[in-house]
Protein backbone atom coordinates (compact mmCIF):
# COMPACT_ATOMS: atom_id res chain seq x y z
CA MET A 1 -56.45 -22.91 -78.31
CA LYS A 2 -55.50 -24.51 -81.59
CA GLY A 3 -57.59 -27.42 -82.82
CA SER A 4 -54.88 -30.04 -82.30
CA ILE A 5 -56.34 -31.40 -79.05
CA VAL A 6 -59.86 -31.78 -80.48
CA ASP A 7 -58.46 -33.15 -83.75
CA ALA A 8 -56.43 -35.75 -81.84
CA VAL A 9 -59.41 -36.70 -79.63
CA LYS A 10 -61.52 -37.08 -82.77
CA ASP A 11 -58.93 -39.39 -84.36
CA LEU A 12 -58.60 -41.40 -81.14
CA VAL A 13 -62.38 -41.82 -80.80
CA VAL A 14 -63.01 -42.62 -84.47
CA ASP A 15 -60.10 -45.10 -84.60
CA ASN A 16 -61.19 -46.91 -81.44
CA PHE A 17 -64.95 -46.38 -81.10
CA GLY A 18 -66.22 -45.31 -84.52
CA SER A 19 -67.56 -42.20 -86.23
CA LYS A 20 -70.97 -42.46 -84.57
CA MET A 21 -69.37 -42.13 -81.13
CA TRP A 22 -67.48 -39.02 -82.26
CA GLU A 23 -70.69 -37.51 -83.64
CA ASP A 24 -72.41 -38.22 -80.31
CA ILE A 25 -69.56 -36.50 -78.44
CA LEU A 26 -69.80 -33.43 -80.68
CA GLU A 27 -73.56 -33.29 -80.21
CA GLY A 28 -73.20 -33.72 -76.45
CA ALA A 29 -70.75 -30.80 -76.42
CA GLY A 30 -73.37 -28.59 -78.10
CA LEU A 31 -71.82 -28.74 -81.56
CA ASP A 32 -73.26 -29.94 -84.83
CA ARG A 33 -72.52 -33.65 -85.16
CA PHE A 34 -70.71 -33.00 -88.45
CA THR A 35 -68.46 -30.22 -87.12
CA THR A 36 -64.90 -30.45 -88.40
CA VAL A 37 -62.11 -29.07 -86.24
CA ARG A 38 -58.76 -28.92 -87.99
CA LEU A 39 -55.29 -28.76 -86.48
CA LEU A 40 -54.79 -25.03 -87.06
CA ASP A 41 -58.34 -23.89 -86.25
CA ASP A 42 -58.73 -21.52 -83.31
CA VAL A 43 -61.07 -23.22 -80.85
CA PRO A 44 -62.34 -21.55 -77.66
CA ASP A 45 -60.93 -23.24 -74.55
CA GLU A 46 -64.47 -23.79 -73.25
CA VAL A 47 -65.34 -25.84 -76.35
CA VAL A 48 -62.24 -28.02 -75.97
CA MET A 49 -63.00 -28.60 -72.29
CA LYS A 50 -66.63 -29.45 -73.09
CA VAL A 51 -65.53 -31.97 -75.75
CA LEU A 52 -63.19 -33.60 -73.21
CA GLU A 53 -65.93 -33.66 -70.57
CA VAL A 54 -68.45 -35.30 -72.92
CA ALA A 55 -65.81 -37.76 -74.19
CA MET A 56 -65.18 -38.86 -70.58
CA ASP A 57 -68.89 -39.40 -70.08
CA LYS A 58 -69.54 -41.22 -73.37
CA LEU A 59 -66.43 -43.40 -73.06
CA ASN A 60 -67.02 -44.02 -69.34
CA LEU A 61 -63.54 -42.78 -68.40
CA SER A 62 -62.34 -40.62 -65.53
CA PHE A 63 -60.27 -37.56 -66.42
CA ASP A 64 -57.11 -39.42 -65.34
CA GLU A 65 -58.00 -42.40 -67.56
CA LEU A 66 -58.80 -40.15 -70.52
CA ALA A 67 -55.53 -38.25 -69.98
CA ASP A 68 -53.55 -41.52 -70.07
CA VAL A 69 -55.37 -42.86 -73.15
CA PHE A 70 -54.99 -39.49 -74.86
CA GLY A 71 -51.28 -39.34 -73.96
CA GLU A 72 -50.63 -42.74 -75.54
CA TYR A 73 -52.52 -41.78 -78.69
CA TRP A 74 -50.93 -38.32 -78.87
CA ILE A 75 -47.37 -39.69 -78.61
CA ASN A 76 -47.71 -42.85 -80.67
CA VAL A 77 -50.16 -41.85 -83.41
CA TYR A 78 -50.91 -38.14 -83.61
CA VAL A 79 -47.51 -36.50 -83.02
CA PRO A 80 -45.65 -38.74 -85.51
CA LYS A 81 -48.30 -37.92 -88.11
CA VAL A 82 -48.56 -34.17 -87.50
CA TYR A 83 -45.40 -32.95 -85.74
CA LYS A 84 -42.80 -35.35 -87.16
CA PRO A 85 -40.24 -32.63 -88.07
CA TYR A 86 -39.99 -31.61 -84.41
CA LEU A 87 -39.00 -35.15 -83.41
CA ARG A 88 -35.91 -35.56 -85.56
CA ARG A 89 -32.92 -36.88 -83.65
CA ILE A 90 -34.94 -37.41 -80.44
CA LYS A 91 -33.78 -40.69 -78.90
CA SER A 92 -35.25 -40.67 -75.38
CA ALA A 93 -38.08 -39.36 -73.24
CA LYS A 94 -35.61 -37.24 -71.27
CA VAL A 95 -34.24 -35.55 -74.40
CA LEU A 96 -37.74 -34.81 -75.70
CA LEU A 97 -38.91 -33.40 -72.39
CA LEU A 98 -35.83 -31.19 -72.10
CA LYS A 99 -36.46 -29.88 -75.62
CA LEU A 100 -40.22 -29.48 -75.19
CA ASP A 101 -40.18 -25.80 -74.25
CA ASP A 102 -37.95 -25.04 -77.26
CA ILE A 103 -40.28 -27.06 -79.50
CA HIS A 104 -43.25 -25.09 -78.20
CA GLN A 105 -41.39 -21.81 -78.87
CA LYS A 106 -40.89 -22.93 -82.50
CA VAL A 107 -44.56 -23.83 -82.76
CA VAL A 108 -45.49 -20.33 -81.57
CA ARG A 109 -43.21 -18.79 -84.21
CA ASN A 110 -44.56 -21.00 -87.01
CA ILE A 111 -48.27 -21.15 -86.21
CA PRO A 112 -50.24 -17.90 -85.78
CA ASN A 113 -52.20 -17.68 -82.50
CA ALA A 114 -50.62 -20.86 -81.10
CA ASN A 115 -50.41 -20.81 -77.33
CA PRO A 116 -49.05 -24.18 -76.17
CA PRO A 117 -47.96 -24.68 -72.57
CA ARG A 118 -44.49 -23.51 -71.65
CA PHE A 119 -42.15 -25.21 -69.20
CA ASP A 120 -39.54 -24.36 -66.59
CA TYR A 121 -37.06 -27.03 -65.51
CA ARG A 122 -35.34 -27.77 -62.22
CA TRP A 123 -33.25 -30.81 -61.39
CA GLU A 124 -34.01 -32.22 -57.95
CA SER A 125 -31.26 -34.83 -58.37
CA PRO A 126 -29.40 -36.31 -61.37
CA ASP A 127 -32.34 -38.55 -62.23
CA VAL A 128 -35.29 -36.44 -61.00
CA LEU A 129 -36.60 -33.51 -63.03
CA ILE A 130 -39.23 -31.06 -61.81
CA MET A 131 -41.15 -29.50 -64.68
CA LYS A 132 -43.35 -26.46 -64.15
CA TYR A 133 -46.27 -26.49 -66.58
CA LYS A 134 -47.24 -22.94 -67.50
CA SER A 135 -50.67 -22.64 -69.05
CA PRO A 136 -53.97 -21.17 -67.88
CA ARG A 137 -55.82 -24.24 -69.22
CA ASN A 138 -55.13 -26.51 -66.24
CA LEU A 139 -54.41 -29.54 -68.42
CA VAL A 140 -51.36 -30.64 -66.46
CA ARG A 141 -52.95 -34.08 -65.98
CA VAL A 142 -52.97 -34.49 -69.76
CA PHE A 143 -49.25 -33.64 -69.70
CA VAL A 144 -48.75 -36.41 -67.12
CA GLY A 145 -50.39 -38.88 -69.54
CA ILE A 146 -48.09 -37.66 -72.30
CA VAL A 147 -44.98 -38.11 -70.11
CA LYS A 148 -46.05 -41.67 -69.25
CA ALA A 149 -46.56 -42.39 -72.95
CA LEU A 150 -43.09 -41.02 -73.75
CA GLY A 151 -41.55 -43.52 -71.34
CA ASN A 152 -43.46 -46.32 -73.06
CA LYS A 153 -42.50 -45.10 -76.53
CA TYR A 154 -38.80 -45.03 -75.77
CA GLY A 155 -38.85 -48.21 -73.65
CA GLU A 156 -37.79 -46.34 -70.52
CA PHE A 157 -39.09 -46.43 -66.99
CA VAL A 158 -40.38 -42.93 -66.37
CA ASP A 159 -42.19 -42.35 -63.09
CA VAL A 160 -44.24 -39.14 -63.15
CA THR A 161 -46.06 -37.56 -60.21
CA MET A 162 -48.22 -34.47 -60.14
CA LEU A 163 -46.96 -32.20 -57.38
CA SER A 164 -49.56 -29.47 -57.99
CA ASN A 165 -51.80 -28.12 -60.73
CA ASN A 166 -48.72 -26.77 -62.49
CA GLU A 167 -45.78 -28.93 -61.45
CA VAL A 168 -44.72 -32.54 -62.03
CA ARG A 169 -41.83 -34.66 -60.79
CA ILE A 170 -40.31 -37.02 -63.35
CA ARG A 171 -37.94 -39.77 -62.24
CA PHE A 172 -35.88 -41.37 -64.99
CA ARG A 173 -34.61 -44.89 -64.27
CA GLY A 174 -32.81 -47.53 -66.25
CA GLU A 175 -30.79 -45.28 -68.51
């Protein structure tokens, strides 16, 4: 996986808990406390998962809580800083979600070895979207946190429910 997840977790931890906490998380994950993971670095999935596991422990958060905190940080701080060109002309959570698979296809074309999740879409009703999350990493709960954060960012009520380890239901209201 690319280093974006670890880079974003690092920024989140340093911004909210300090550099020492980040160094402790790295050390707890079996890495040197001064390891630098950059956005475009190739990072083994096991290392990313270990960093997330240790972050949960050190920050005293469940995986669901970490996913929600990460989602808010990813959408409101990290993405605008790193992926701003992909967000041009996006005016709502629904529009961004419907463009997400196309955005990930562009990322794959522009960044060697990138392997972001892909998505299939199915409308259950005019205001309910089922998104199939296609990735072997089983980070669909992180995606749920990101969807919640998108609703907050755009001031929309977005109700998201995990249906399975690879499928979520998103209800858009108030548009």
